[in-house]
Amino acid sequence: MPQEKSPGKPTTRRYSDQEKEQAVRLVRQARSEGRGHGAIQRIALQLGYGTETVRKWVKVADIDEGVKPGRSTADAAKIKELEAQVKELKRANEILRKASAYFAQAELDRP
């Protein structure tokens, strides 16, 4: 059953990985049996999920499994991690640049 987010915020339904996998599996099964037309909407209604939510799960699963082209979940996570590292390194570089300028100026000011 979907879980709700923390109180105080607008309620956003959270779905477990098992729920997502079940929905994707049912959509793929319906498509393989020749009942693909309207499968996402039918499965979403049957499970009580939003149609666009299930459509997104199927799209992400297809990309992650290489069925369709696109950026996989693993690739997106790695890119996010690398961007965070770049940001931290730029911050460290700026600190070192300022420290270097400070000490260079201090060296020039010495008698």
Protein backbone atom coordinates (compact mmCIF):
# COMPACT_ATOMS: atom_id res chain seq x y z
CA MET A 1 0.00 0.00 0.00
CA PRO A 2 1.33 3.49 -0.76
CA GLN A 3 2.95 5.30 2.13
CA GLU A 4 2.43 8.98 2.90
CA LYS A 5 5.19 11.54 3.35
CA SER A 6 5.91 13.24 6.67
CA PRO A 7 3.07 15.25 8.24
CA GLY A 8 2.98 19.00 7.71
CA LYS A 9 3.78 18.78 4.02
CA PRO A 10 1.34 18.19 1.19
CA THR A 11 0.67 14.48 1.03
CA THR A 12 2.69 12.79 -1.66
CA ARG A 13 2.14 9.12 -2.24
CA ARG A 14 5.26 7.01 -2.00
CA TYR A 15 5.40 3.61 -3.63
CA SER A 16 7.70 0.76 -2.74
CA ASP A 17 10.03 -0.76 -5.32
CA GLN A 18 7.86 -3.89 -5.26
CA GLU A 19 4.76 -1.87 -6.18
CA LYS A 20 6.60 -0.18 -9.04
CA GLU A 21 8.02 -3.48 -10.30
CA GLN A 22 4.58 -5.11 -10.15
CA ALA A 23 3.00 -2.32 -12.20
CA VAL A 24 5.79 -2.43 -14.81
CA ARG A 25 5.58 -6.23 -14.98
CA LEU A 26 1.79 -6.12 -15.49
CA VAL A 27 2.08 -3.50 -18.24
CA ARG A 28 4.75 -5.50 -20.04
CA GLN A 29 2.73 -8.69 -19.67
CA ALA A 30 -0.35 -7.00 -21.13
CA ARG A 31 1.71 -5.68 -24.04
CA SER A 32 3.24 -9.09 -24.74
CA GLU A 33 -0.23 -10.66 -24.78
CA GLY A 34 -1.36 -8.20 -27.43
CA ARG A 35 -3.39 -6.07 -25.03
CA GLY A 36 -0.93 -3.19 -25.19
CA HIS A 37 -3.37 -0.51 -26.31
CA GLY A 38 -4.39 1.34 -23.15
CA ALA A 39 -2.44 -1.08 -20.94
CA ILE A 40 -0.88 1.61 -18.77
CA GLN A 41 -4.19 3.30 -18.07
CA ARG A 42 -5.92 -0.03 -17.42
CA ILE A 43 -3.19 -1.29 -15.04
CA ALA A 44 -2.98 2.06 -13.23
CA LEU A 45 -6.74 2.06 -12.66
CA GLN A 46 -6.67 -1.58 -11.55
CA LEU A 47 -3.92 -0.90 -8.99
CA GLY A 48 -5.23 2.48 -7.90
CA TYR A 49 -2.19 4.42 -9.13
CA GLY A 50 -1.99 7.49 -11.34
CA THR A 51 -1.72 6.80 -15.06
CA GLU A 52 1.22 9.17 -15.54
CA THR A 53 2.96 7.68 -12.51
CA VAL A 54 2.81 4.19 -14.02
CA ARG A 55 3.80 5.57 -17.45
CA LYS A 56 6.90 7.13 -15.86
CA TRP A 57 7.81 3.87 -14.09
CA VAL A 58 7.58 1.94 -17.36
CA LYS A 59 9.67 4.57 -19.18
CA VAL A 60 12.38 4.55 -16.48
CA ALA A 61 12.44 0.73 -16.42
CA ASP A 62 12.77 0.61 -20.22
CA ILE A 63 15.69 3.06 -20.15
CA ASP A 64 17.41 1.33 -17.21
CA GLU A 65 17.17 -2.04 -18.99
CA GLY A 66 18.42 -0.63 -22.29
CA VAL A 67 15.13 -1.20 -24.12
CA LYS A 68 14.90 2.51 -24.96
CA PRO A 69 17.66 5.11 -25.28
CA GLY A 70 18.14 7.65 -22.53
CA ARG A 71 19.98 8.40 -19.31
CA SER A 72 19.65 5.51 -16.87
CA THR A 73 18.99 5.98 -13.18
CA ALA A 74 22.52 4.79 -12.38
CA ASP A 75 24.03 7.25 -14.86
CA ALA A 76 21.95 10.12 -13.47
CA ALA A 77 23.06 9.28 -9.91
CA LYS A 78 26.73 9.14 -10.99
CA ILE A 79 26.44 12.49 -12.78
CA LYS A 80 24.86 14.06 -9.71
CA GLU A 81 27.67 12.68 -7.53
CA LEU A 82 30.35 13.98 -9.91
CA GLU A 83 28.71 17.42 -10.08
CA ALA A 84 28.78 17.58 -6.27
CA GLN A 85 32.49 16.67 -6.30
CA VAL A 86 33.21 19.37 -8.89
CA LYS A 87 31.37 21.93 -6.76
CA GLU A 88 33.38 20.96 -3.66
CA LEU A 89 36.68 21.05 -5.57
CA LYS A 90 35.88 24.50 -6.98
CA ARG A 91 35.12 25.68 -3.45
CA ALA A 92 38.42 24.25 -2.17
CA ASN A 93 40.30 25.85 -5.08
CA GLU A 94 38.80 29.25 -4.27
CA ILE A 95 39.86 28.91 -0.61
CA LEU A 96 43.40 27.94 -1.66
CA ARG A 97 43.56 30.80 -4.17
CA LYS A 98 42.60 33.33 -1.48
CA ALA A 99 45.05 31.84 1.03
CA SER A 100 47.83 31.93 -1.55
CA ALA A 101 47.12 35.59 -2.34
CA TYR A 102 47.05 36.43 1.37
CA PHE A 103 50.40 34.77 2.06
CA ALA A 104 51.97 36.25 -1.08
CA GLN A 105 50.90 39.72 0.04
CA ALA A 106 52.20 39.04 3.56
CA GLU A 107 55.55 38.03 2.08
CA LEU A 108 55.74 41.29 0.10
CA ASP A 109 54.88 43.34 3.19
CA ARG A 110 57.75 41.87 5.23
CA PRO A 111 60.67 44.24 5.91
